[in-house]
Each structure stands twice: as C-alpha cells, then as structure tokens.
Amino acid sequence: MTTQATGKRSRLDPEPMPRRDWLGLGALWTMAASFLFATIGMMRLPKAAVLPSPSKKFKVALPETLAAGEPFIPPGRSVALFRDAEGVFAISMVCTHLGCIVKPSADGFECPCHGSRFSAGGEVTKGPAPKPLPWLQVRVNGDAVIVDEGTVVPHGTKVS
C-alpha cells in the first residue's frame, strides 16, 4: 500500500528515505561494526594469555636495620631471609602440608590454612605438616643476597 502526499511539501522538509536505502545503510553499518570488532579481536591474538612466572633466582638487599632472628620477606616472594652472627640463610614459606603460604608469628611461622606451626628455624612444632620448612640456597654477593628458590640445602646451612 502506498500513500500519496496530499499537501505541498516545504523545501525545508527532508526527502523521505526509501525503505531499500534505509535497509542498505543498516547493512553497511552492521558490516562496518563487525569488521571493527573482528579487527580488535585479531589485535589481541598475539598477546600471551598467561603471565610469565618470576625467576626462581632473585637478588635482594637485606635492610641494614634487620635484627638477628627477625625475618625479612622480599615483596612478592614466599621466602624469609634471616641474618644472625653466623651468616645469612633463607627458609621457604610454603607449608609442607598442602602448600599454603605460612605467616611469620612471634615464635616462628604459622600456617593460616590448617594450623601447622613451625619454629624460627623451620622445624615442625605442631602438625599436620609432615616435614620442616625447606632451607634454600643463598649466596652473598657484596651487599646483595642471591636466593635460589629451586635449590634446597640442608638445615643449618648459612652463608657469611
């Protein structure tokens, strides 16, 4: 059904858009939007979906004010560094029960997940942890301490 204009149109009135032109413009805009989103999606492809893990070996400077027997935990690491009269040593803060990160407490370390407690040297004082906290390899290079989280050393190994 078509309708005819009854009155005379003003020259300021816009021309009515035919339906086919309107549908054509809609299809063109839809195609442009699809192309834009596909381009954005393709730009994200080269990015890695996972973040690289930090290196197992890291260098840290111990604070000058670190007291003997006081743990120093480098930011972003699960290692506690100690300095005493015999030297420097590092203890992993990963609980040997189920792998939770232990927290320093007044008398050593405490696991917030299942309640295991460890002495300041990492020995188990309360279960369910089956083994003591592992000591990690430490090297001193000038003022910096190099810790290797991948290498376990016997308990009591200190580096001066």
N, C-alpha and C. Protein backbone atom coordinates (compact mmCIF):
# COMPACT_ATOMS: atom_id res chain seq x y z
N MET A 1 0.84 -1.16 0.00
CA MET A 1 0.00 0.00 0.00
C MET A 1 0.89 1.23 0.00
N THR A 2 0.67 2.06 -0.92
CA THR A 2 1.44 3.30 -0.99
C THR A 2 0.55 4.47 -0.62
N THR A 3 1.23 5.45 -0.09
CA THR A 3 0.49 6.65 0.28
C THR A 3 0.99 7.80 -0.55
N GLN A 4 0.13 8.65 -0.90
CA GLN A 4 0.49 9.83 -1.68
C GLN A 4 0.47 11.04 -0.77
N ALA A 5 1.41 11.91 -0.96
CA ALA A 5 1.41 13.15 -0.20
C ALA A 5 0.26 14.00 -0.66
N THR A 6 -0.47 14.49 0.33
CA THR A 6 -1.66 15.26 -0.03
C THR A 6 -1.37 16.73 -0.22
N GLY A 7 -0.47 17.25 0.63
CA GLY A 7 -0.20 18.68 0.52
C GLY A 7 1.14 18.93 -0.14
N LYS A 8 1.38 20.16 -0.39
CA LYS A 8 2.66 20.51 -0.98
C LYS A 8 3.72 20.53 0.11
N ARG A 9 4.82 19.93 -0.21
CA ARG A 9 5.90 19.84 0.78
C ARG A 9 6.71 21.12 0.76
N SER A 10 7.25 21.45 1.94
CA SER A 10 8.12 22.60 2.04
C SER A 10 9.50 22.19 1.52
N ARG A 11 10.24 23.14 1.04
CA ARG A 11 11.58 22.82 0.56
C ARG A 11 12.54 22.53 1.71
N LEU A 12 12.13 22.86 2.96
CA LEU A 12 12.95 22.56 4.13
C LEU A 12 12.70 21.16 4.69
N ASP A 13 11.62 20.52 4.30
CA ASP A 13 11.35 19.15 4.75
C ASP A 13 12.35 18.20 4.09
N PRO A 14 12.90 17.27 4.87
CA PRO A 14 13.84 16.32 4.25
C PRO A 14 13.10 15.35 3.34
N GLU A 15 13.85 14.86 2.39
CA GLU A 15 13.28 13.86 1.49
C GLU A 15 13.05 12.58 2.28
N PRO A 16 11.93 11.96 2.15
CA PRO A 16 11.74 10.68 2.83
C PRO A 16 12.69 9.64 2.23
N MET A 17 13.28 8.85 3.13
CA MET A 17 14.25 7.84 2.67
C MET A 17 13.49 6.59 2.26
N PRO A 18 13.77 6.11 1.11
CA PRO A 18 13.11 4.87 0.69
C PRO A 18 13.58 3.71 1.58
N ARG A 19 12.71 2.75 1.78
CA ARG A 19 13.00 1.63 2.66
C ARG A 19 14.22 0.84 2.22
N ARG A 20 14.41 0.68 0.94
CA ARG A 20 15.58 -0.07 0.46
C ARG A 20 16.88 0.66 0.79
N ASP A 21 16.87 1.96 0.69
CA ASP A 21 18.08 2.71 1.05
C ASP A 21 18.36 2.59 2.55
N TRP A 22 17.31 2.66 3.36
CA TRP A 22 17.46 2.55 4.82
C TRP A 22 18.02 1.17 5.18
N LEU A 23 17.49 0.13 4.61
CA LEU A 23 18.00 -1.22 4.87
C LEU A 23 19.43 -1.38 4.37
N GLY A 24 19.76 -0.76 3.26
CA GLY A 24 21.13 -0.83 2.74
C GLY A 24 22.12 -0.15 3.68
N LEU A 25 21.74 1.02 4.21
CA LEU A 25 22.62 1.71 5.16
C LEU A 25 22.77 0.91 6.45
N GLY A 26 21.68 0.30 6.91
CA GLY A 26 21.77 -0.55 8.11
C GLY A 26 22.71 -1.71 7.90
N ALA A 27 22.64 -2.34 6.75
CA ALA A 27 23.56 -3.46 6.45
C ALA A 27 24.99 -2.98 6.37
N LEU A 28 25.21 -1.79 5.81
CA LEU A 28 26.56 -1.25 5.71
C LEU A 28 27.14 -0.96 7.10
N TRP A 29 26.34 -0.36 7.99
CA TRP A 29 26.81 -0.08 9.36
C TRP A 29 27.06 -1.37 10.14
N THR A 30 26.23 -2.37 9.94
CA THR A 30 26.44 -3.66 10.61
C THR A 30 27.74 -4.30 10.13
N MET A 31 28.01 -4.22 8.85
CA MET A 31 29.26 -4.78 8.31
C MET A 31 30.46 -4.02 8.87
N ALA A 32 30.37 -2.69 8.97
CA ALA A 32 31.48 -1.90 9.50
C ALA A 32 31.73 -2.23 10.97
N ALA A 33 30.66 -2.38 11.75
CA ALA A 33 30.83 -2.73 13.17
C ALA A 33 31.43 -4.13 13.31
N SER A 34 31.00 -5.08 12.51
CA SER A 34 31.58 -6.43 12.55
C SER A 34 33.06 -6.41 12.20
N PHE A 35 33.41 -5.64 11.20
CA PHE A 35 34.83 -5.53 10.81
C PHE A 35 35.65 -4.91 11.94
N LEU A 36 35.10 -3.89 12.62
CA LEU A 36 35.81 -3.24 13.72
C LEU A 36 36.04 -4.22 14.87
N PHE A 37 34.99 -4.95 15.28
CA PHE A 37 35.16 -5.90 16.39
C PHE A 37 36.09 -7.06 16.00
N ALA A 38 36.03 -7.49 14.76
CA ALA A 38 36.94 -8.56 14.33
C ALA A 38 38.39 -8.07 14.34
N THR A 39 38.60 -6.82 13.95
CA THR A 39 39.96 -6.26 13.98
C THR A 39 40.47 -6.16 15.41
N ILE A 40 39.62 -5.71 16.33
CA ILE A 40 40.03 -5.63 17.74
C ILE A 40 40.35 -7.02 18.27
N GLY A 41 39.55 -8.00 17.91
CA GLY A 41 39.80 -9.37 18.34
C GLY A 41 41.10 -9.92 17.79
N MET A 42 41.42 -9.60 16.54
CA MET A 42 42.67 -10.08 15.94
C MET A 42 43.87 -9.39 16.57
N MET A 43 43.73 -8.15 17.02
CA MET A 43 44.84 -7.45 17.65
C MET A 43 45.20 -8.07 18.99
N ARG A 44 44.25 -8.73 19.64
CA ARG A 44 44.52 -9.36 20.94
C ARG A 44 45.19 -10.72 20.80
N LEU A 45 45.16 -11.33 19.64
CA LEU A 45 45.68 -12.69 19.47
C LEU A 45 47.17 -12.83 19.79
N PRO A 46 48.03 -11.92 19.36
CA PRO A 46 49.46 -12.15 19.64
C PRO A 46 49.83 -12.06 21.11
N LYS A 47 48.98 -11.50 21.96
CA LYS A 47 49.31 -11.40 23.38
C LYS A 47 49.25 -12.77 24.04
N ALA A 48 50.19 -13.00 24.95
CA ALA A 48 50.17 -14.24 25.70
C ALA A 48 49.02 -14.20 26.71
N ALA A 49 48.36 -15.32 26.90
CA ALA A 49 47.23 -15.37 27.81
C ALA A 49 47.68 -15.58 29.25
N VAL A 50 48.92 -15.97 29.47
CA VAL A 50 49.43 -16.20 30.81
C VAL A 50 50.58 -15.26 31.08
N LEU A 51 50.77 -14.95 32.32
CA LEU A 51 51.87 -14.09 32.71
C LEU A 51 53.10 -14.95 32.99
N PRO A 52 54.26 -14.44 32.69
CA PRO A 52 55.46 -15.23 32.99
C PRO A 52 55.66 -15.32 34.50
N SER A 53 56.12 -16.47 34.94
CA SER A 53 56.37 -16.63 36.37
C SER A 53 57.70 -15.98 36.71
N PRO A 54 57.82 -15.48 37.92
CA PRO A 54 59.08 -14.85 38.28
C PRO A 54 60.18 -15.90 38.36
N SER A 55 61.39 -15.45 38.18
CA SER A 55 62.54 -16.34 38.20
C SER A 55 62.70 -16.95 39.59
N LYS A 56 63.20 -18.19 39.61
CA LYS A 56 63.45 -18.86 40.89
C LYS A 56 64.64 -18.25 41.61
N LYS A 57 65.55 -17.65 40.85
CA LYS A 57 66.70 -16.98 41.46
C LYS A 57 66.42 -15.49 41.47
N PHE A 58 66.65 -14.88 42.60
CA PHE A 58 66.47 -13.45 42.67
C PHE A 58 67.49 -12.84 43.62
N LYS A 59 67.72 -11.56 43.39
CA LYS A 59 68.70 -10.83 44.18
C LYS A 59 67.94 -9.84 45.05
N VAL A 60 68.35 -9.75 46.30
CA VAL A 60 67.68 -8.84 47.22
C VAL A 60 68.74 -8.24 48.15
N ALA A 61 68.50 -7.05 48.58
CA ALA A 61 69.39 -6.39 49.54
C ALA A 61 68.72 -6.43 50.90
N LEU A 62 69.43 -6.96 51.87
CA LEU A 62 68.87 -7.01 53.22
C LEU A 62 68.91 -5.62 53.84
N PRO A 63 67.88 -5.23 54.56
CA PRO A 63 67.90 -3.91 55.20
C PRO A 63 68.96 -3.86 56.29
N GLU A 64 69.59 -2.72 56.41
CA GLU A 64 70.65 -2.56 57.41
C GLU A 64 70.10 -2.70 58.82
N THR A 65 68.83 -2.37 59.01
CA THR A 65 68.24 -2.40 60.35
C THR A 65 67.68 -3.77 60.70
N LEU A 66 67.93 -4.79 59.88
CA LEU A 66 67.38 -6.12 60.16
C LEU A 66 68.07 -6.71 61.38
N ALA A 67 67.29 -6.99 62.40
CA ALA A 67 67.84 -7.54 63.64
C ALA A 67 68.06 -9.04 63.50
N ALA A 68 68.94 -9.58 64.33
CA ALA A 68 69.22 -11.02 64.30
C ALA A 68 67.96 -11.79 64.68
N GLY A 69 67.61 -12.79 63.88
CA GLY A 69 66.44 -13.60 64.14
C GLY A 69 65.15 -13.02 63.62
N GLU A 70 65.20 -11.81 63.08
CA GLU A 70 64.00 -11.19 62.52
C GLU A 70 63.89 -11.57 61.05
N PRO A 71 62.73 -12.04 60.61
CA PRO A 71 62.62 -12.42 59.19
C PRO A 71 62.46 -11.20 58.30
N PHE A 72 63.06 -11.29 57.11
CA PHE A 72 62.85 -10.29 56.07
C PHE A 72 62.22 -11.01 54.89
N ILE A 73 61.03 -10.58 54.51
CA ILE A 73 60.31 -11.22 53.41
C ILE A 73 60.30 -10.26 52.22
N PRO A 74 61.04 -10.60 51.16
CA PRO A 74 61.03 -9.71 49.98
C PRO A 74 59.63 -9.64 49.38
N PRO A 75 59.24 -8.47 48.89
CA PRO A 75 57.90 -8.32 48.32
C PRO A 75 57.67 -9.27 47.15
N GLY A 76 56.53 -9.93 47.14
CA GLY A 76 56.17 -10.83 46.05
C GLY A 76 56.81 -12.19 46.11
N ARG A 77 57.53 -12.49 47.16
CA ARG A 77 58.22 -13.79 47.29
C ARG A 77 57.70 -14.51 48.52
N SER A 78 57.84 -15.82 48.52
CA SER A 78 57.44 -16.63 49.67
C SER A 78 58.68 -17.22 50.32
N VAL A 79 59.61 -16.35 50.63
CA VAL A 79 60.88 -16.72 51.24
C VAL A 79 61.14 -15.76 52.40
N ALA A 80 61.60 -16.32 53.51
CA ALA A 80 62.01 -15.49 54.64
C ALA A 80 63.52 -15.55 54.76
N LEU A 81 64.14 -14.38 54.79
CA LEU A 81 65.60 -14.28 54.92
C LEU A 81 65.93 -13.86 56.35
N PHE A 82 66.97 -14.48 56.89
CA PHE A 82 67.41 -14.17 58.25
C PHE A 82 68.88 -13.84 58.23
N ARG A 83 69.28 -13.00 59.15
CA ARG A 83 70.70 -12.69 59.34
C ARG A 83 70.99 -12.83 60.83
N ASP A 84 72.04 -13.56 61.14
CA ASP A 84 72.49 -13.64 62.53
C ASP A 84 74.02 -13.59 62.54
N ALA A 85 74.61 -13.87 63.69
CA ALA A 85 76.07 -13.76 63.82
C ALA A 85 76.80 -14.77 62.94
N GLU A 86 76.16 -15.90 62.63
CA GLU A 86 76.81 -16.94 61.83
C GLU A 86 76.66 -16.72 60.33
N GLY A 87 75.71 -15.90 59.91
CA GLY A 87 75.55 -15.66 58.49
C GLY A 87 74.11 -15.41 58.09
N VAL A 88 73.86 -15.61 56.81
CA VAL A 88 72.55 -15.36 56.22
C VAL A 88 71.97 -16.68 55.76
N PHE A 89 70.66 -16.87 55.95
CA PHE A 89 70.01 -18.07 55.44
C PHE A 89 68.59 -17.73 55.03
N ALA A 90 68.01 -18.61 54.21
CA ALA A 90 66.66 -18.40 53.70
C ALA A 90 65.83 -19.65 53.93
N ILE A 91 64.57 -19.42 54.29
CA ILE A 91 63.63 -20.51 54.53
C ILE A 91 62.42 -20.30 53.64
N SER A 92 62.01 -21.35 52.97
CA SER A 92 60.80 -21.28 52.15
C SER A 92 59.59 -21.13 53.05
N MET A 93 58.64 -20.32 52.63
CA MET A 93 57.43 -20.11 53.42
C MET A 93 56.25 -20.91 52.87
N VAL A 94 56.52 -21.93 52.08
CA VAL A 94 55.47 -22.79 51.55
C VAL A 94 55.30 -23.97 52.50
N CYS A 95 54.13 -24.10 53.07
CA CYS A 95 53.86 -25.15 54.05
C CYS A 95 54.02 -26.53 53.40
N THR A 96 54.63 -27.43 54.13
CA THR A 96 54.88 -28.78 53.60
C THR A 96 53.64 -29.66 53.70
N HIS A 97 52.56 -29.16 54.25
CA HIS A 97 51.34 -29.95 54.33
C HIS A 97 50.61 -29.90 52.99
N LEU A 98 50.06 -28.74 52.62
CA LEU A 98 49.33 -28.63 51.36
C LEU A 98 49.75 -27.44 50.52
N GLY A 99 50.84 -26.80 50.87
CA GLY A 99 51.37 -25.74 50.02
C GLY A 99 50.86 -24.35 50.30
N CYS A 100 50.21 -24.12 51.42
CA CYS A 100 49.79 -22.76 51.77
C CYS A 100 51.02 -21.93 52.11
N ILE A 101 50.89 -20.64 52.06
CA ILE A 101 51.98 -19.75 52.44
C ILE A 101 51.86 -19.45 53.93
N VAL A 102 52.91 -19.81 54.69
CA VAL A 102 52.88 -19.59 56.13
C VAL A 102 53.15 -18.12 56.43
N LYS A 103 52.68 -17.70 57.59
CA LYS A 103 52.86 -16.31 58.03
C LYS A 103 53.82 -16.28 59.20
N PRO A 104 54.68 -15.27 59.27
CA PRO A 104 55.55 -15.17 60.42
C PRO A 104 54.73 -14.88 61.69
N SER A 105 55.14 -15.51 62.77
CA SER A 105 54.49 -15.26 64.05
C SER A 105 55.56 -14.94 65.08
N ALA A 106 55.17 -14.78 66.32
CA ALA A 106 56.12 -14.38 67.35
C ALA A 106 57.18 -15.45 67.59
N ASP A 107 56.81 -16.73 67.47
CA ASP A 107 57.77 -17.80 67.74
C ASP A 107 58.16 -18.59 66.50
N GLY A 108 57.94 -18.06 65.32
CA GLY A 108 58.33 -18.76 64.10
C GLY A 108 57.36 -18.48 62.97
N PHE A 109 56.74 -19.55 62.48
CA PHE A 109 55.80 -19.43 61.37
C PHE A 109 54.53 -20.19 61.70
N GLU A 110 53.42 -19.72 61.13
CA GLU A 110 52.14 -20.37 61.36
C GLU A 110 51.39 -20.46 60.04
N CYS A 111 50.84 -21.63 59.75
CA CYS A 111 50.07 -21.83 58.52
C CYS A 111 48.63 -21.39 58.78
N PRO A 112 48.12 -20.44 58.00
CA PRO A 112 46.76 -19.98 58.23
C PRO A 112 45.70 -20.97 57.73
N CYS A 113 46.09 -21.93 56.92
CA CYS A 113 45.10 -22.85 56.34
C CYS A 113 44.72 -23.97 57.31
N HIS A 114 45.71 -24.67 57.85
CA HIS A 114 45.40 -25.84 58.66
C HIS A 114 46.06 -25.81 60.03
N GLY A 115 46.69 -24.72 60.40
CA GLY A 115 47.19 -24.54 61.75
C GLY A 115 48.54 -25.12 62.06
N SER A 116 49.29 -25.55 61.08
CA SER A 116 50.64 -26.05 61.36
C SER A 116 51.49 -24.90 61.89
N ARG A 117 52.39 -25.24 62.78
CA ARG A 117 53.30 -24.24 63.33
C ARG A 117 54.73 -24.72 63.15
N PHE A 118 55.59 -23.75 62.90
CA PHE A 118 57.00 -24.04 62.67
C PHE A 118 57.81 -23.11 63.54
N SER A 119 58.98 -23.60 63.99
CA SER A 119 59.88 -22.75 64.76
C SER A 119 60.54 -21.75 63.81
N ALA A 120 61.33 -20.84 64.36
CA ALA A 120 62.02 -19.86 63.52
C ALA A 120 63.00 -20.52 62.58
N GLY A 121 63.47 -21.73 62.92
CA GLY A 121 64.36 -22.47 62.04
C GLY A 121 63.63 -23.34 61.05
N GLY A 122 62.30 -23.37 61.10
CA GLY A 122 61.50 -24.13 60.15
C GLY A 122 61.09 -25.51 60.61
N GLU A 123 61.49 -25.95 61.84
CA GLU A 123 61.10 -27.26 62.31
C GLU A 123 59.62 -27.26 62.71
N VAL A 124 58.96 -28.39 62.52
CA VAL A 124 57.54 -28.51 62.83
C VAL A 124 57.36 -28.57 64.34
N THR A 125 56.55 -27.68 64.90
CA THR A 125 56.23 -27.72 66.32
C THR A 125 54.80 -28.16 66.55
N LYS A 126 53.97 -28.08 65.50
CA LYS A 126 52.58 -28.54 65.61
C LYS A 126 52.11 -28.95 64.21
N GLY A 127 51.51 -30.13 64.09
CA GLY A 127 51.06 -30.66 62.81
C GLY A 127 49.86 -29.92 62.28
N PRO A 128 49.41 -30.32 61.14
CA PRO A 128 49.60 -31.57 60.41
C PRO A 128 50.76 -31.57 59.41
N ALA A 129 51.59 -30.56 59.39
CA ALA A 129 52.70 -30.56 58.43
C ALA A 129 53.63 -31.74 58.71
N PRO A 130 53.96 -32.53 57.67
CA PRO A 130 54.77 -33.73 57.89
C PRO A 130 56.27 -33.45 57.95
N LYS A 131 56.72 -32.36 57.32
CA LYS A 131 58.16 -32.09 57.22
C LYS A 131 58.42 -30.64 57.59
N PRO A 132 59.67 -30.35 57.98
CA PRO A 132 60.02 -28.95 58.27
C PRO A 132 60.06 -28.11 56.99
N LEU A 133 60.04 -26.80 57.16
CA LEU A 133 60.15 -25.89 56.01
C LEU A 133 61.54 -26.03 55.41
N PRO A 134 61.64 -26.11 54.08
CA PRO A 134 62.96 -26.29 53.46
C PRO A 134 63.80 -25.01 53.52
N TRP A 135 65.09 -25.23 53.71
CA TRP A 135 66.04 -24.13 53.63
C TRP A 135 66.49 -24.01 52.19
N LEU A 136 66.71 -22.80 51.74
CA LEU A 136 67.04 -22.55 50.34
C LEU A 136 68.48 -22.07 50.19
N GLN A 137 69.01 -22.30 49.01
CA GLN A 137 70.40 -21.90 48.73
C GLN A 137 70.51 -20.37 48.68
N VAL A 138 71.52 -19.88 49.36
CA VAL A 138 71.77 -18.44 49.43
C VAL A 138 73.23 -18.19 49.10
N ARG A 139 73.49 -17.13 48.33
CA ARG A 139 74.86 -16.68 48.07
C ARG A 139 74.89 -15.19 48.37
N VAL A 140 76.00 -14.76 48.92
CA VAL A 140 76.17 -13.34 49.21
C VAL A 140 77.12 -12.76 48.18
N ASN A 141 76.69 -11.69 47.54
CA ASN A 141 77.49 -11.03 46.51
C ASN A 141 77.54 -9.55 46.86
N GLY A 142 78.56 -9.16 47.60
CA GLY A 142 78.66 -7.77 48.04
C GLY A 142 77.58 -7.47 49.07
N ASP A 143 76.78 -6.47 48.79
CA ASP A 143 75.68 -6.13 49.69
C ASP A 143 74.40 -6.89 49.34
N ALA A 144 74.40 -7.57 48.20
CA ALA A 144 73.19 -8.27 47.76
C ALA A 144 73.24 -9.74 48.16
N VAL A 145 72.06 -10.29 48.35
CA VAL A 145 71.91 -11.70 48.65
C VAL A 145 71.17 -12.33 47.48
N ILE A 146 71.73 -13.42 46.94
CA ILE A 146 71.10 -14.11 45.82
C ILE A 146 70.48 -15.38 46.36
N VAL A 147 69.17 -15.51 46.19
CA VAL A 147 68.41 -16.65 46.71
C VAL A 147 67.97 -17.51 45.53
N ASP A 148 68.17 -18.81 45.64
CA ASP A 148 67.70 -19.75 44.63
C ASP A 148 66.58 -20.58 45.25
N GLU A 149 65.34 -20.26 44.85
CA GLU A 149 64.18 -20.97 45.40
C GLU A 149 64.08 -22.40 44.91
N GLY A 150 64.81 -22.73 43.86
CA GLY A 150 64.74 -24.07 43.30
C GLY A 150 65.72 -25.06 43.92
N THR A 151 66.62 -24.58 44.76
CA THR A 151 67.63 -25.46 45.35
C THR A 151 67.46 -25.51 46.86
N VAL A 152 67.26 -26.70 47.37
CA VAL A 152 67.10 -26.92 48.82
C VAL A 152 68.45 -27.34 49.38
N VAL A 153 68.81 -26.77 50.50
CA VAL A 153 70.07 -27.10 51.17
C VAL A 153 69.74 -27.72 52.53
N PRO A 154 70.69 -28.42 53.13
CA PRO A 154 70.43 -29.00 54.46
C PRO A 154 70.15 -27.91 55.50
N HIS A 155 69.33 -28.28 56.48
CA HIS A 155 69.02 -27.34 57.55
C HIS A 155 70.29 -26.92 58.26
N GLY A 156 70.38 -25.66 58.59
CA GLY A 156 71.54 -25.13 59.28
C GLY A 156 72.60 -24.56 58.36
N THR A 157 72.38 -24.61 57.05
CA THR A 157 73.35 -24.08 56.10
C THR A 157 73.24 -22.55 56.07
N LYS A 158 74.29 -21.89 56.49
CA LYS A 158 74.31 -20.43 56.50
C LYS A 158 75.50 -19.95 55.71
N VAL A 159 75.35 -18.79 55.10
CA VAL A 159 76.40 -18.21 54.28
C VAL A 159 76.80 -16.88 54.91
N SER A 160 78.09 -16.67 55.03
CA SER A 160 78.53 -15.39 55.60
C SER A 160 79.20 -14.56 54.54
